[in-house]
């Protein structure tokens, strides 16, 4: 039985991962601004409360729970993300700041604060995007989003190097298009080739076993080219 922290669990892949981990017998701390969807599942080994990844108070509540109930974190999945689809000339500094607060600064902060509860057998999985891969196909309107996801990839490599002696392992999954609510909001009518459930199953499997084979790696999870 592992202790798993997942951010961004109110919908999409994050929501699906909660049930998948729980069915495998693991403890899950599900973190999202809207805690109700997970709470409504009424799963015994799942705890969910309202969490804002940009809030210091929310961070404190997470660490209080871990300290009181777990004392150890085996898996951290940084899945929470925000996206804005605007032309670059209409994307304001505030837009960039908001995206980076969630996609980069929030990821760095919750990881830093949970490190004392992790060891060399623990695994941090950062959910990024193919849009952050150098040389991959880029899409107009995603300057803030894709550049933030590129930052997450580099952060993953740096942390893997910094903590390679005593762990945890750090890996990133650069996902292609997945049919989620966030994708539909940004690109109405677009049909992705992979469902949220399918990708959630892949992420759960990778988070449980991937650190046996990988550390500091960027895995491109996409069935399209480039």
Protein backbone atom coordinates (compact mmCIF):
# COMPACT_ATOMS: atom_id res chain seq x y z
CA UNK A 1 0.00 0.00 0.00
CA UNK A 2 1.38 3.36 -1.08
CA UNK A 3 0.53 6.91 -0.08
CA UNK A 4 -0.30 8.91 -3.21
CA UNK A 5 -0.79 12.68 -3.55
CA UNK A 6 -2.48 13.88 -6.74
CA UNK A 7 -3.20 17.48 -7.69
CA UNK A 8 -5.93 18.55 -10.09
CA UNK A 9 -8.43 15.82 -9.21
CA UNK A 10 -11.84 17.45 -9.76
CA UNK A 11 -12.10 16.28 -13.37
CA UNK A 12 -10.25 14.70 -16.28
CA UNK A 13 -7.26 12.46 -15.75
CA UNK A 14 -6.78 13.48 -12.13
CA UNK A 15 -10.31 12.46 -11.22
CA UNK A 16 -9.93 9.09 -12.95
CA UNK A 17 -6.61 8.41 -11.24
CA UNK A 18 -8.17 8.71 -7.79
CA UNK A 19 -10.44 5.70 -8.32
CA UNK A 20 -7.74 3.69 -10.08
CA UNK A 21 -5.26 4.05 -7.22
CA UNK A 22 -7.95 3.39 -4.63
CA UNK A 23 -9.07 0.20 -6.40
CA UNK A 24 -5.46 -1.01 -6.20
CA UNK A 25 -5.55 -0.53 -2.42
CA UNK A 26 -3.48 2.65 -2.14
CA UNK A 27 -4.17 5.68 0.03
CA UNK A 28 -4.93 8.82 -1.97
CA UNK A 29 -4.86 12.49 -1.05
CA UNK A 30 -6.86 14.19 -3.80
CA UNK A 31 -6.23 17.91 -4.15
CA UNK A 32 -8.31 20.31 -6.20
CA UNK A 33 -10.12 23.62 -5.80
CA UNK A 34 -13.39 21.71 -6.16
CA UNK A 35 -13.25 18.77 -3.78
CA UNK A 36 -16.89 17.69 -4.21
CA UNK A 37 -16.52 15.31 -7.22
CA UNK A 38 -14.02 13.15 -5.34
CA UNK A 39 -15.82 13.41 -2.01
CA UNK A 40 -18.99 12.22 -3.72
CA UNK A 41 -17.21 8.99 -4.62
CA UNK A 42 -17.16 8.13 -0.89
CA UNK A 43 -14.09 5.93 -1.13
CA UNK A 44 -12.70 4.89 2.25
CA UNK A 45 -9.00 5.24 1.50
CA UNK A 46 -9.35 8.59 -0.30
CA UNK A 47 -9.14 12.01 1.36
CA UNK A 48 -10.17 15.12 -0.57
CA UNK A 49 -10.32 18.74 0.46
CA UNK A 50 -10.36 22.07 -1.31
CA UNK A 51 -6.86 22.99 -2.40
CA UNK A 52 -5.46 25.98 -4.27
CA UNK A 53 -1.95 25.24 -5.50
CA UNK A 54 -1.12 28.96 -5.42
CA UNK A 55 -2.17 29.33 -1.74
CA UNK A 56 0.20 29.10 1.22
CA UNK A 57 -2.71 28.17 3.49
CA UNK A 58 -3.68 25.28 1.23
CA UNK A 59 -0.10 24.02 1.22
CA UNK A 60 -0.07 24.05 5.03
CA UNK A 61 -3.23 21.91 5.13
CA UNK A 62 -1.61 19.30 2.88
CA UNK A 63 1.46 18.98 5.05
CA UNK A 64 -0.64 18.83 8.20
CA UNK A 65 -2.54 15.86 6.75
CA UNK A 66 0.64 14.06 5.68
CA UNK A 67 2.31 14.67 9.03
CA UNK A 68 -0.69 13.50 11.04
CA UNK A 69 -1.90 10.53 9.00
CA UNK A 70 0.90 9.26 6.76
CA UNK A 71 4.38 10.49 7.71
CA UNK A 72 5.48 9.35 4.25
CA UNK A 73 4.67 10.10 0.60
CA UNK A 74 5.43 7.40 -1.96
CA UNK A 75 4.04 9.07 -5.09
CA UNK A 76 3.38 12.71 -5.97
CA UNK A 77 1.62 13.35 -9.27
CA UNK A 78 1.72 17.01 -10.24
CA UNK A 79 -1.30 16.94 -12.52
CA UNK A 80 -2.93 20.33 -11.79
CA UNK A 81 -2.66 22.69 -14.72
CA UNK A 82 -4.15 25.79 -16.25
CA UNK A 83 -4.46 26.77 -19.90
CA UNK A 84 -5.29 29.95 -21.78
CA UNK A 85 -5.78 30.02 -25.54
CA UNK A 86 -5.09 33.57 -26.75
CA UNK A 87 -3.02 35.14 -29.46
CA UNK A 88 0.33 36.27 -28.11
CA UNK A 89 -0.42 39.94 -28.66
CA UNK A 90 -3.54 39.70 -26.50
CA UNK A 91 -1.93 37.56 -23.79
CA UNK A 92 -1.19 39.90 -20.92
CA UNK A 93 1.53 39.73 -18.31
CA UNK A 94 -1.20 38.79 -15.86
CA UNK A 95 -2.22 35.86 -18.09
CA UNK A 96 1.37 34.64 -18.17
CA UNK A 97 1.72 35.09 -14.42
CA UNK A 98 -1.47 33.15 -13.66
CA UNK A 99 -0.44 30.24 -15.88
CA UNK A 100 3.05 30.07 -14.39
CA UNK A 101 1.69 30.31 -10.84
CA UNK A 102 -0.21 27.06 -11.35
CA UNK A 103 1.88 25.17 -13.89
CA UNK A 104 5.38 26.00 -12.62
CA UNK A 105 5.54 27.77 -9.26
CA UNK A 106 2.81 25.60 -7.71
CA UNK A 107 4.47 22.43 -8.93
CA UNK A 108 7.82 23.54 -7.51
CA UNK A 109 6.32 24.55 -4.16
CA UNK A 110 4.29 21.44 -3.37
CA UNK A 111 7.23 19.28 -4.44
CA UNK A 112 9.66 21.22 -2.25
CA UNK A 113 7.35 21.07 0.74
CA UNK A 114 6.72 17.31 0.42
CA UNK A 115 10.37 16.34 -0.07
CA UNK A 116 10.96 15.71 3.66
CA UNK A 117 8.37 12.93 3.48
CA UNK A 118 9.94 11.19 0.47
CA UNK A 119 12.99 8.95 0.06
CA UNK A 120 14.84 7.20 -2.76
CA UNK A 121 11.93 4.82 -3.35
CA UNK A 122 9.45 7.68 -3.83
CA UNK A 123 8.43 8.93 -7.25
CA UNK A 124 7.49 12.41 -8.43
CA UNK A 125 5.65 12.42 -11.76
CA UNK A 126 5.19 15.79 -13.42
CA UNK A 127 2.46 15.98 -16.03
CA UNK A 128 3.65 18.15 -18.90
CA UNK A 129 2.73 18.49 -22.57
CA UNK A 130 4.11 17.73 -25.99
CA UNK A 131 3.77 21.48 -26.51
CA UNK A 132 6.72 21.89 -24.15
CA UNK A 133 9.00 19.59 -26.14
CA UNK A 134 11.59 21.43 -28.22
CA UNK A 135 11.02 20.68 -31.91
CA UNK A 136 7.48 19.39 -31.48
CA UNK A 137 4.52 20.86 -33.32
CA UNK A 138 3.41 24.15 -31.76
CA UNK A 139 -0.03 25.75 -31.84
CA UNK A 140 -0.86 29.47 -31.99
CA UNK A 141 -2.48 30.79 -28.83
CA UNK A 142 -0.57 28.60 -26.41
CA UNK A 143 2.51 30.74 -25.74
CA UNK A 144 1.92 30.91 -21.99
CA UNK A 145 0.78 27.32 -21.58
CA UNK A 146 3.40 25.57 -23.70
CA UNK A 147 6.31 27.63 -22.39
CA UNK A 148 5.21 26.84 -18.81
CA UNK A 149 5.13 23.14 -19.63
CA UNK A 150 8.64 23.41 -21.09
CA UNK A 151 9.76 24.89 -17.77
CA UNK A 152 8.32 21.87 -15.94
CA UNK A 153 10.37 19.52 -18.13
CA UNK A 154 13.61 21.30 -17.32
CA UNK A 155 12.70 21.46 -13.63
CA UNK A 156 12.18 17.70 -13.67
CA UNK A 157 15.65 17.07 -15.08
CA UNK A 158 17.28 19.44 -12.60
CA UNK A 159 15.59 17.93 -9.55
CA UNK A 160 16.44 14.40 -10.65
CA UNK A 161 20.10 15.41 -10.76
CA UNK A 162 19.97 17.24 -7.45
CA UNK A 163 18.34 14.36 -5.57
CA UNK A 164 19.80 11.37 -7.42
CA UNK A 165 21.74 10.13 -4.38
CA UNK A 166 18.89 9.82 -1.89
CA UNK A 167 15.80 10.28 -4.06
CA UNK A 168 13.05 10.66 -4.84
CA UNK A 169 13.05 9.91 -8.56
CA UNK A 170 11.67 12.62 -10.84
CA UNK A 171 10.17 11.94 -14.24
CA UNK A 172 7.89 13.89 -16.56
CA UNK A 173 5.22 12.74 -18.98
CA UNK A 174 4.80 15.03 -21.98
CA UNK A 175 1.28 14.21 -23.07
CA UNK A 176 -0.28 14.62 -26.45
CA UNK A 177 -3.93 15.62 -26.79
CA UNK A 178 -6.23 13.94 -24.26
CA UNK A 179 -10.01 14.33 -24.29
CA UNK A 180 -10.54 16.33 -21.10
CA UNK A 181 -12.77 19.20 -20.06
CA UNK A 182 -9.81 21.58 -20.14
CA UNK A 183 -9.01 20.63 -23.74
CA UNK A 184 -12.63 21.08 -24.74
CA UNK A 185 -12.77 24.52 -23.14
CA UNK A 186 -9.64 25.64 -24.98
CA UNK A 187 -10.47 23.95 -28.30
CA UNK A 188 -14.25 23.45 -28.55
CA UNK A 189 -15.20 20.63 -30.87
CA UNK A 190 -11.72 19.08 -31.07
CA UNK A 191 -11.69 15.30 -30.60
CA UNK A 192 -8.52 13.91 -29.06
CA UNK A 193 -7.42 10.36 -29.89
CA UNK A 194 -7.02 9.36 -26.24
CA UNK A 195 -9.63 9.47 -23.46
CA UNK A 196 -9.02 10.72 -19.92
CA UNK A 197 -9.51 7.20 -18.56
CA UNK A 198 -6.98 5.68 -20.95
CA UNK A 199 -4.33 8.24 -20.08
CA UNK A 200 -5.08 7.96 -16.36
CA UNK A 201 -4.46 4.22 -16.53
CA UNK A 202 -1.10 4.83 -18.20
CA UNK A 203 -0.05 7.46 -15.64
CA UNK A 204 -1.02 5.24 -12.69
CA UNK A 205 1.04 2.34 -14.05
CA UNK A 206 4.02 4.57 -14.77
CA UNK A 207 3.93 6.23 -11.35
CA UNK A 208 3.94 2.84 -9.61
CA UNK A 209 6.79 1.25 -11.57
CA UNK A 210 8.49 3.85 -13.76
CA UNK A 211 11.03 4.91 -11.15
CA UNK A 212 12.52 1.40 -11.22
CA UNK A 213 13.77 2.13 -14.73
CA UNK A 214 13.83 5.92 -15.16
CA UNK A 215 15.00 9.04 -13.39
CA UNK A 216 15.21 12.52 -14.86
CA UNK A 217 13.54 11.35 -18.05
CA UNK A 218 11.04 13.12 -20.29
CA UNK A 219 8.63 10.54 -21.69
CA UNK A 220 6.75 11.63 -24.80
CA UNK A 221 3.30 10.05 -24.50
CA UNK A 222 1.71 10.75 -27.83
CA UNK A 223 0.55 8.62 -30.75
CA UNK A 224 1.06 11.39 -33.28
CA UNK A 225 4.13 12.81 -35.03
CA UNK A 226 5.81 15.19 -34.47
